[in-house]
PDB file of N, CA and C in Angstrom:
ATOM      1  N   MET A   1      15.794 -20.969  19.618  1.00  0.00           N
ATOM      2  CA  MET A   1      14.416 -21.289  19.946  1.00  0.00           C
ATOM      3  C   MET A   1      13.555 -20.022  19.985  1.00  0.00           C
ATOM      4  N   LYS A   2      14.106 -18.937  20.529  1.00  0.00           N
ATOM      5  CA  LYS A   2      13.361 -17.690  20.613  1.00  0.00           C
ATOM      6  C   LYS A   2      13.043 -17.169  19.212  1.00  0.00           C
ATOM      7  N   ILE A   3      13.987 -17.261  18.293  1.00  0.00           N
ATOM      8  CA  ILE A   3      13.772 -16.801  16.921  1.00  0.00           C
ATOM      9  C   ILE A   3      12.706 -17.655  16.242  1.00  0.00           C
ATOM     10  N   LEU A   4      12.714 -18.943  16.480  1.00  0.00           N
ATOM     11  CA  LEU A   4      11.713 -19.834  15.904  1.00  0.00           C
ATOM     12  C   LEU A   4      10.313 -19.457  16.385  1.00  0.00           C
ATOM     13  N   ASN A   5      10.168 -19.161  17.666  1.00  0.00           N
ATOM     14  CA  ASN A   5       8.871 -18.739  18.205  1.00  0.00           C
ATOM     15  C   ASN A   5       8.414 -17.423  17.584  1.00  0.00           C
ATOM     16  N   GLN A   6       9.334 -16.492  17.391  1.00  0.00           N
ATOM     17  CA  GLN A   6       8.990 -15.210  16.785  1.00  0.00           C
ATOM     18  C   GLN A   6       8.552 -15.389  15.332  1.00  0.00           C
ATOM     19  N   LEU A   7       9.243 -16.266  14.605  1.00  0.00           N
ATOM     20  CA  LEU A   7       8.868 -16.536  13.219  1.00  0.00           C
ATOM     21  C   LEU A   7       7.486 -17.189  13.142  1.00  0.00           C
ATOM     22  N   LEU A   8       7.241 -18.108  14.056  1.00  0.00           N
ATOM     23  CA  LEU A   8       5.938 -18.771  14.094  1.00  0.00           C
ATOM     24  C   LEU A   8       4.830 -17.761  14.376  1.00  0.00           C
ATOM     25  N   LEU A   9       5.054 -16.886  15.347  1.00  0.00           N
ATOM     26  CA  LEU A   9       4.074 -15.866  15.687  1.00  0.00           C
ATOM     27  C   LEU A   9       3.839 -14.926  14.497  1.00  0.00           C
ATOM     28  N   ALA A  10       4.914 -14.532  13.832  1.00  0.00           N
ATOM     29  CA  ALA A  10       4.792 -13.641  12.673  1.00  0.00           C
ATOM     30  C   ALA A  10       3.999 -14.304  11.552  1.00  0.00           C
ATOM     31  N   SER A  11       4.229 -15.593  11.322  1.00  0.00           N
ATOM     32  CA  SER A  11       3.499 -16.281  10.255  1.00  0.00           C
ATOM     33  C   SER A  11       2.020 -16.425  10.596  1.00  0.00           C
ATOM     34  N   ILE A  12       1.700 -16.620  11.859  1.00  0.00           N
ATOM     35  CA  ILE A  12       0.294 -16.713  12.277  1.00  0.00           C
ATOM     36  C   ILE A  12      -0.400 -15.374  12.076  1.00  0.00           C
ATOM     37  N   VAL A  13       0.250 -14.294  12.482  1.00  0.00           N
ATOM     38  CA  VAL A  13      -0.324 -12.952  12.312  1.00  0.00           C
ATOM     39  C   VAL A  13      -0.530 -12.656  10.835  1.00  0.00           C
ATOM     40  N   LEU A  14       0.445 -12.973  10.003  1.00  0.00           N
ATOM     41  CA  LEU A  14       0.337 -12.730   8.568  1.00  0.00           C
ATOM     42  C   LEU A  14      -0.809 -13.538   7.962  1.00  0.00           C
ATOM     43  N   THR A  15      -0.957 -14.778   8.384  1.00  0.00           N
ATOM     44  CA  THR A  15      -2.031 -15.628   7.873  1.00  0.00           C
ATOM     45  C   THR A  15      -3.392 -15.033   8.189  1.00  0.00           C
ATOM     46  N   PHE A  16      -3.592 -14.585   9.422  1.00  0.00           N
ATOM     47  CA  PHE A  16      -4.875 -13.992   9.788  1.00  0.00           C
ATOM     48  C   PHE A  16      -5.100 -12.665   9.083  1.00  0.00           C
ATOM     49  N   SER A  17      -4.050 -11.884   8.889  1.00  0.00           N
ATOM     50  CA  SER A  17      -4.184 -10.600   8.194  1.00  0.00           C
ATOM     51  C   SER A  17      -4.613 -10.810   6.752  1.00  0.00           C
ATOM     52  N   VAL A  18      -3.970 -11.728   6.067  1.00  0.00           N
ATOM     53  CA  VAL A  18      -4.301 -12.006   4.672  1.00  0.00           C
ATOM     54  C   VAL A  18      -5.688 -12.623   4.578  1.00  0.00           C
ATOM     55  N   GLY A  19      -6.015 -13.519   5.475  1.00  0.00           N
ATOM     56  CA  GLY A  19      -7.326 -14.166   5.470  1.00  0.00           C
ATOM     57  C   GLY A  19      -8.453 -13.173   5.647  1.00  0.00           C
ATOM     58  N   SER A  20      -8.304 -12.233   6.558  1.00  0.00           N
ATOM     59  CA  SER A  20      -9.370 -11.256   6.785  1.00  0.00           C
ATOM     60  C   SER A  20      -9.425 -10.224   5.665  1.00  0.00           C
ATOM     61  N   ALA A  21      -8.299  -9.945   5.035  1.00  0.00           N
ATOM     62  CA  ALA A  21      -8.278  -8.974   3.944  1.00  0.00           C
ATOM     63  C   ALA A  21      -8.955  -9.524   2.689  1.00  0.00           C
ATOM     64  N   THR A  22      -8.925 -10.845   2.512  1.00  0.00           N
ATOM     65  CA  THR A  22      -9.527 -11.422   1.322  1.00  0.00           C
ATOM     66  C   THR A  22     -10.930 -11.957   1.572  1.00  0.00           C
ATOM     67  N   ALA A  23     -11.406 -11.885   2.789  1.00  0.00           N
ATOM     68  CA  ALA A  23     -12.742 -12.380   3.104  1.00  0.00           C
ATOM     69  C   ALA A  23     -13.797 -11.526   2.412  1.00  0.00           C
ATOM     70  N   GLN A  24     -14.842 -12.169   1.936  1.00  0.00           N
ATOM     71  CA  GLN A  24     -15.906 -11.436   1.283  1.00  0.00           C
ATOM     72  C   GLN A  24     -16.829 -10.812   2.316  1.00  0.00           C
ATOM     73  N   HIS A  25     -17.431  -9.734   1.908  1.00  0.00           N
ATOM     74  CA  HIS A  25     -18.366  -9.017   2.761  1.00  0.00           C
ATOM     75  C   HIS A  25     -19.746  -9.185   2.145  1.00  0.00           C
ATOM     76  N   THR A  26     -20.710  -9.572   2.940  1.00  0.00           N
ATOM     77  CA  THR A  26     -22.065  -9.776   2.434  1.00  0.00           C
ATOM     78  C   THR A  26     -22.916  -8.546   2.706  1.00  0.00           C
ATOM     79  N   TYR A  27     -23.474  -7.983   1.640  1.00  0.00           N
ATOM     80  CA  TYR A  27     -24.366  -6.844   1.768  1.00  0.00           C
ATOM     81  C   TYR A  27     -25.791  -7.338   1.955  1.00  0.00           C
ATOM     82  N   SER A  28     -26.581  -6.581   2.693  1.00  0.00           N
ATOM     83  CA  SER A  28     -27.980  -6.951   2.902  1.00  0.00           C
ATOM     84  C   SER A  28     -28.741  -6.876   1.583  1.00  0.00           C
ATOM     85  N   LYS A  29     -29.850  -7.572   1.513  1.00  0.00           N
ATOM     86  CA  LYS A  29     -30.694  -7.532   0.311  1.00  0.00           C
ATOM     87  C   LYS A  29     -31.183  -6.108   0.044  1.00  0.00           C
ATOM     88  N   ALA A  30     -31.466  -5.365   1.115  1.00  0.00           N
ATOM     89  CA  ALA A  30     -31.924  -3.976   0.956  1.00  0.00           C
ATOM     90  C   ALA A  30     -30.852  -3.127   0.282  1.00  0.00           C
ATOM     91  N   VAL A  31     -29.598  -3.294   0.698  1.00  0.00           N
ATOM     92  CA  VAL A  31     -28.499  -2.542   0.091  1.00  0.00           C
ATOM     93  C   VAL A  31     -28.316  -2.979  -1.358  1.00  0.00           C
ATOM     94  N   GLN A  32     -28.353  -4.279  -1.595  1.00  0.00           N
ATOM     95  CA  GLN A  32     -28.186  -4.774  -2.964  1.00  0.00           C
ATOM     96  C   GLN A  32     -29.242  -4.184  -3.891  1.00  0.00           C
ATOM     97  N   LYS A  33     -30.475  -4.145  -3.423  1.00  0.00           N
ATOM     98  CA  LYS A  33     -31.574  -3.617  -4.244  1.00  0.00           C
ATOM     99  C   LYS A  33     -31.436  -2.103  -4.441  1.00  0.00           C
ATOM    100  N   ALA A  34     -31.159  -1.386  -3.355  1.00  0.00           N
ATOM    101  CA  ALA A  34     -31.081   0.077  -3.417  1.00  0.00           C
ATOM    102  C   ALA A  34     -29.879   0.566  -4.224  1.00  0.00           C
ATOM    103  N   CYS A  35     -28.822  -0.228  -4.260  1.00  0.00           N
ATOM    104  CA  CYS A  35     -27.584   0.215  -4.908  1.00  0.00           C
ATOM    105  C   CYS A  35     -27.319  -0.455  -6.253  1.00  0.00           C
ATOM    106  N   ALA A  36     -28.257  -1.247  -6.746  1.00  0.00           N
ATOM    107  CA  ALA A  36     -28.043  -1.980  -8.002  1.00  0.00           C
ATOM    108  C   ALA A  36     -27.703  -1.049  -9.163  1.00  0.00           C
ATOM    109  N   ASN A  37     -28.461   0.024  -9.323  1.00  0.00           N
ATOM    110  CA  ASN A  37     -28.187   0.963 -10.425  1.00  0.00           C
ATOM    111  C   ASN A  37     -26.840   1.655 -10.257  1.00  0.00           C
ATOM    112  N   ASP A  38     -26.484   1.987  -9.018  1.00  0.00           N
ATOM    113  CA  ASP A  38     -25.189   2.624  -8.747  1.00  0.00           C
ATOM    114  C   ASP A  38     -24.046   1.669  -9.089  1.00  0.00           C
ATOM    115  N   TYR A  39     -24.231   0.412  -8.744  1.00  0.00           N
ATOM    116  CA  TYR A  39     -23.230  -0.609  -9.066  1.00  0.00           C
ATOM    117  C   TYR A  39     -23.031  -0.668 -10.579  1.00  0.00           C
ATOM    118  N   HIS A  40     -24.121  -0.769 -11.335  1.00  0.00           N
ATOM    119  CA  HIS A  40     -24.012  -0.879 -12.795  1.00  0.00           C
ATOM    120  C   HIS A  40     -23.450   0.392 -13.426  1.00  0.00           C
ATOM    121  N   ARG A  41     -23.725   1.522 -12.825  1.00  0.00           N
ATOM    122  CA  ARG A  41     -23.245   2.805 -13.348  1.00  0.00           C
ATOM    123  C   ARG A  41     -21.767   3.028 -13.040  1.00  0.00           C
ATOM    124  N   HIS A  42     -21.336   2.713 -11.830  1.00  0.00           N
ATOM    125  CA  HIS A  42     -19.986   3.094 -11.389  1.00  0.00           C
ATOM    126  C   HIS A  42     -18.970   1.957 -11.305  1.00  0.00           C
ATOM    127  N   CYS A  43     -19.414   0.747 -11.028  1.00  0.00           N
ATOM    128  CA  CYS A  43     -18.459  -0.322 -10.700  1.00  0.00           C
ATOM    129  C   CYS A  43     -18.795  -1.687 -11.308  1.00  0.00           C
ATOM    130  N   PRO A  44     -19.304  -1.753 -12.528  1.00  0.00           N
ATOM    131  CA  PRO A  44     -19.740  -3.045 -13.057  1.00  0.00           C
ATOM    132  C   PRO A  44     -18.606  -4.046 -13.293  1.00  0.00           C
ATOM    133  N   GLN A  45     -17.375  -3.558 -13.338  1.00  0.00           N
ATOM    134  CA  GLN A  45     -16.251  -4.439 -13.603  1.00  0.00           C
ATOM    135  C   GLN A  45     -15.824  -5.258 -12.375  1.00  0.00           C
ATOM    136  N   TYR A  46     -16.406  -4.972 -11.220  1.00  0.00           N
ATOM    137  CA  TYR A  46     -16.022  -5.656  -9.990  1.00  0.00           C
ATOM    138  C   TYR A  46     -17.066  -6.679  -9.572  1.00  0.00           C
ATOM    139  N   GLY A  47     -16.599  -7.778  -9.027  1.00  0.00           N
ATOM    140  CA  GLY A  47     -17.493  -8.826  -8.555  1.00  0.00           C
ATOM    141  C   GLY A  47     -18.302  -8.362  -7.355  1.00  0.00           C
ATOM    142  N   ILE A  48     -19.499  -8.908  -7.248  1.00  0.00           N
ATOM    143  CA  ILE A  48     -20.375  -8.595  -6.120  1.00  0.00           C
ATOM    144  C   ILE A  48     -19.723  -9.078  -4.826  1.00  0.00           C
ATOM    145  N   GLU A  49     -19.822  -8.253  -3.799  1.00  0.00           N
ATOM    146  CA  GLU A  49     -19.330  -8.571  -2.461  1.00  0.00           C
ATOM    147  C   GLU A  49     -17.823  -8.790  -2.397  1.00  0.00           C
ATOM    148  N   THR A  50     -17.071  -8.063  -3.235  1.00  0.00           N
ATOM    149  CA  THR A  50     -15.610  -8.116  -3.169  1.00  0.00           C
ATOM    150  C   THR A  50     -15.082  -6.827  -2.560  1.00  0.00           C
ATOM    151  N   GLU A  51     -13.876  -6.886  -2.080  1.00  0.00           N
ATOM    152  CA  GLU A  51     -13.252  -5.692  -1.512  1.00  0.00           C
ATOM    153  C   GLU A  51     -13.048  -4.632  -2.602  1.00  0.00           C
ATOM    154  N   ALA A  52     -12.775  -5.073  -3.829  1.00  0.00           N
ATOM    155  CA  ALA A  52     -12.595  -4.133  -4.940  1.00  0.00           C
ATOM    156  C   ALA A  52     -13.879  -3.347  -5.189  1.00  0.00           C
ATOM    157  N   LEU A  53     -15.023  -4.017  -5.117  1.00  0.00           N
ATOM    158  CA  LEU A  53     -16.303  -3.323  -5.289  1.00  0.00           C
ATOM    159  C   LEU A  53     -16.507  -2.316  -4.163  1.00  0.00           C
ATOM    160  N   ARG A  54     -16.202  -2.732  -2.951  1.00  0.00           N
ATOM    161  CA  ARG A  54     -16.360  -1.847  -1.793  1.00  0.00           C
ATOM    162  C   ARG A  54     -15.527  -0.572  -1.985  1.00  0.00           C
ATOM    163  N   LEU A  55     -14.293  -0.727  -2.440  1.00  0.00           N
ATOM    164  CA  LEU A  55     -13.416   0.423  -2.669  1.00  0.00           C
ATOM    165  C   LEU A  55     -13.939   1.297  -3.810  1.00  0.00           C
ATOM    166  N   CYS A  56     -14.431   0.659  -4.863  1.00  0.00           N
ATOM    167  CA  CYS A  56     -14.974   1.407  -5.996  1.00  0.00           C
ATOM    168  C   CYS A  56     -16.189   2.237  -5.578  1.00  0.00           C
ATOM    169  N   MET A  57     -17.096   1.622  -4.839  1.00  0.00           N
ATOM    170  CA  MET A  57     -18.293   2.350  -4.397  1.00  0.00           C
ATOM    171  C   MET A  57     -17.899   3.476  -3.440  1.00  0.00           C
ATOM    172  N   ASP A  58     -16.887   3.240  -2.634  1.00  0.00           N
ATOM    173  CA  ASP A  58     -16.406   4.279  -1.729  1.00  0.00           C
ATOM    174  C   ASP A  58     -15.856   5.456  -2.536  1.00  0.00           C
ATOM    175  N   LYS A  59     -15.119   5.157  -3.604  1.00  0.00           N
ATOM    176  CA  LYS A  59     -14.589   6.217  -4.470  1.00  0.00           C
ATOM    177  C   LYS A  59     -15.717   6.976  -5.161  1.00  0.00           C
ATOM    178  N   ALA A  60     -16.774   6.265  -5.541  1.00  0.00           N
ATOM    179  CA  ALA A  60     -17.907   6.894  -6.232  1.00  0.00           C
ATOM    180  C   ALA A  60     -18.634   7.857  -5.298  1.00  0.00           C
ATOM    181  N   GLY A  61     -18.558   7.597  -3.998  1.00  0.00           N
ATOM    182  CA  GLY A  61     -19.098   8.434  -2.934  1.00  0.00           C
ATOM    183  C   GLY A  61     -20.187   9.417  -3.286  1.00  0.00           C
ATOM    184  N   GLN A  62     -19.783  10.635  -3.648  1.00  0.00           N
ATOM    185  CA  GLN A  62     -20.721  11.732  -3.911  1.00  0.00           C
ATOM    186  C   GLN A  62     -21.669  11.430  -5.070  1.00  0.00           C
ATOM    187  N   ALA A  63     -21.251  10.562  -5.993  1.00  0.00           N
ATOM    188  CA  ALA A  63     -22.072  10.272  -7.170  1.00  0.00           C
ATOM    189  C   ALA A  63     -23.130   9.203  -6.905  1.00  0.00           C
ATOM    190  N   LEU A  64     -23.061   8.558  -5.740  1.00  0.00           N
ATOM    191  CA  LEU A  64     -24.050   7.522  -5.424  1.00  0.00           C
ATOM    192  C   LEU A  64     -25.423   8.152  -5.200  1.00  0.00           C
ATOM    193  N   SER A  65     -26.450   7.411  -5.576  1.00  0.00           N
ATOM    194  CA  SER A  65     -27.814   7.917  -5.398  1.00  0.00           C
ATOM    195  C   SER A  65     -28.159   8.035  -3.916  1.00  0.00           C
ATOM    196  N   LYS A  66     -29.095   8.918  -3.629  1.00  0.00           N
ATOM    197  CA  LYS A  66     -29.541   9.106  -2.251  1.00  0.00           C
ATOM    198  C   LYS A  66     -30.149   7.809  -1.710  1.00  0.00           C
ATOM    199  N   THR A  67     -30.844   7.072  -2.558  1.00  0.00           N
ATOM    200  CA  THR A  67     -31.448   5.802  -2.161  1.00  0.00           C
ATOM    201  C   THR A  67     -30.371   4.824  -1.704  1.00  0.00           C
ATOM    202  N   CYS A  68     -29.293   4.744  -2.458  1.00  0.00           N
ATOM    203  CA  CYS A  68     -28.191   3.843  -2.117  1.00  0.00           C
ATOM    204  C   CYS A  68     -27.519   4.290  -0.817  1.00  0.00           C
ATOM    205  N   VAL A  69     -27.214   5.570  -0.714  1.00  0.00           N
ATOM    206  CA  VAL A  69     -26.554   6.093   0.494  1.00  0.00           C
ATOM    207  C   VAL A  69     -27.416   5.835   1.729  1.00  0.00           C
ATOM    208  N   ASN A  70     -28.712   6.091   1.616  1.00  0.00           N
ATOM    209  CA  ASN A  70     -29.610   5.849   2.756  1.00  0.00           C
ATOM    210  C   ASN A  70     -29.626   4.373   3.154  1.00  0.00           C
ATOM    211  N   ALA A  71     -29.599   3.483   2.166  1.00  0.00           N
ATOM    212  CA  ALA A  71     -29.575   2.048   2.462  1.00  0.00           C
ATOM    213  C   ALA A  71     -28.256   1.659   3.134  1.00  0.00           C
ATOM    214  N   LEU A  72     -27.159   2.234   2.677  1.00  0.00           N
ATOM    215  CA  LEU A  72     -25.849   1.949   3.283  1.00  0.00           C
ATOM    216  C   LEU A  72     -25.801   2.433   4.729  1.00  0.00           C
ATOM    217  N   VAL A  73     -26.353   3.606   4.982  1.00  0.00           N
ATOM    218  CA  VAL A  73     -26.411   4.138   6.352  1.00  0.00           C
ATOM    219  C   VAL A  73     -27.300   3.244   7.206  1.00  0.00           C
ATOM    220  N   GLY A  74     -28.473   2.883   6.672  1.00  0.00           N
ATOM    221  CA  GLY A  74     -29.415   2.044   7.412  1.00  0.00           C
ATOM    222  C   GLY A  74     -28.856   0.681   7.764  1.00  0.00           C
ATOM    223  N   ALA A  75     -27.978   0.159   6.898  1.00  0.00           N
ATOM    224  CA  ALA A  75     -27.378  -1.161   7.135  1.00  0.00           C
ATOM    225  C   ALA A  75     -26.105  -1.075   7.974  1.00  0.00           C
ATOM    226  N   GLY A  76     -25.701   0.146   8.311  1.00  0.00           N
ATOM    227  CA  GLY A  76     -24.492   0.312   9.117  1.00  0.00           C
ATOM    228  C   GLY A  76     -23.203   0.183   8.317  1.00  0.00           C
ATOM    229  N   GLU A  77     -23.297   0.258   6.995  1.00  0.00           N
ATOM    230  CA  GLU A  77     -22.107   0.153   6.143  1.00  0.00           C
ATOM    231  C   GLU A  77     -21.287   1.439   6.170  1.00  0.00           C
ATOM    232  N   VAL A  78     -21.973   2.545   6.399  1.00  0.00           N
ATOM    233  CA  VAL A  78     -21.319   3.849   6.504  1.00  0.00           C
ATOM    234  C   VAL A  78     -22.118   4.659   7.525  1.00  0.00           C
ATOM    235  N   SER A  79     -21.435   5.504   8.248  1.00  0.00           N
ATOM    236  CA  SER A  79     -22.135   6.299   9.261  1.00  0.00           C
ATOM    237  C   SER A  79     -22.716   7.565   8.640  1.00  0.00           C
ATOM    238  N   LYS A  80     -23.761   8.050   9.262  1.00  0.00           N
ATOM    239  CA  LYS A  80     -24.370   9.317   8.825  1.00  0.00           C
ATOM    240  C   LYS A  80     -23.348  10.445   8.962  1.00  0.00           C
ATOM    241  N   ALA A  81     -22.525  10.385   9.999  1.00  0.00           N
ATOM    242  CA  ALA A  81     -21.490  11.399  10.204  1.00  0.00           C
ATOM    243  C   ALA A  81     -20.498  11.411   9.039  1.00  0.00           C
ATOM    244  N   GLU A  82     -20.137  10.237   8.534  1.00  0.00           N
ATOM    245  CA  GLU A  82     -19.220  10.161   7.391  1.00  0.00           C
ATOM    246  C   GLU A  82     -19.871  10.732   6.142  1.00  0.00           C
ATOM    247  N   VAL A  83     -21.145  10.457   5.934  1.00  0.00           N
ATOM    248  CA  VAL A  83     -21.865  11.008   4.789  1.00  0.00           C
ATOM    249  C   VAL A  83     -21.865  12.535   4.870  1.00  0.00           C
ATOM    250  N   GLU A  84     -22.172  13.058   6.047  1.00  0.00           N
ATOM    251  CA  GLU A  84     -22.201  14.517   6.228  1.00  0.00           C
ATOM    252  C   GLU A  84     -20.811  15.115   6.045  1.00  0.00           C
ATOM    253  N   ARG A  85     -19.790  14.445   6.565  1.00  0.00           N
ATOM    254  CA  ARG A  85     -18.409  14.936   6.407  1.00  0.00           C
ATOM    255  C   ARG A  85     -18.044  15.035   4.929  1.00  0.00           C
ATOM    256  N   ARG A  86     -18.419  14.024   4.167  1.00  0.00           N
ATOM    257  CA  ARG A  86     -18.103  14.027   2.731  1.00  0.00           C
ATOM    258  C   ARG A  86     -18.876  15.117   1.999  1.00  0.00           C
ATOM    259  N   LYS A  87     -20.113  15.349   2.410  1.00  0.00           N
ATOM    260  CA  LYS A  87     -20.898  16.421   1.778  1.00  0.00           C
ATOM    261  C   LYS A  87     -20.218  17.762   1.998  1.00  0.00           C
ATOM    262  N   ARG A  88     -19.766  17.998   3.247  1.00  0.00           N
ATOM    263  CA  ARG A  88     -19.114  19.270   3.576  1.00  0.00           C
ATOM    264  C   ARG A  88     -17.792  19.435   2.841  1.00  0.00           C
ATOM    265  N   SER A  89     -17.028  18.341   2.710  1.00  0.00           N
ATOM    266  CA  SER A  89     -15.711  18.436   2.107  1.00  0.00           C
ATOM    267  C   SER A  89     -15.747  18.332   0.580  1.00  0.00           C
ATOM    268  N   GLY A  90     -16.906  17.937   0.054  1.00  0.00           N
ATOM    269  CA  GLY A  90     -17.022  17.799  -1.392  1.00  0.00           C
ATOM    270  C   GLY A  90     -16.391  16.526  -1.915  1.00  0.00           C
ATOM    271  N   GLY A  91     -16.089  15.587  -1.025  1.00  0.00           N
ATOM    272  CA  GLY A  91     -15.454  14.333  -1.472  1.00  0.00           C
ATOM    273  C   GLY A  91     -15.978  13.231  -0.764  1.00  0.00           C
TER     274      GLY A  91
END
């Protein structure tokens, strides 16, 4: 019985982990507008509001336009401290 409860708990945790990992993230209209050119330049192969796009834009980091970065900071998608850290580290 104890093993059955542990398996049930593990399956519930796995279900929530997978569900949250595949959930779409909605960007604000301001971010969508400010980052449209960056999206087309760096990540056009990825669907809008997918985790793959989020990772691609994160990789593009330093190459993103100032307009896009400012919109991301303003929307709380990335912190100003993270932007500054990346500027200092060159990545």
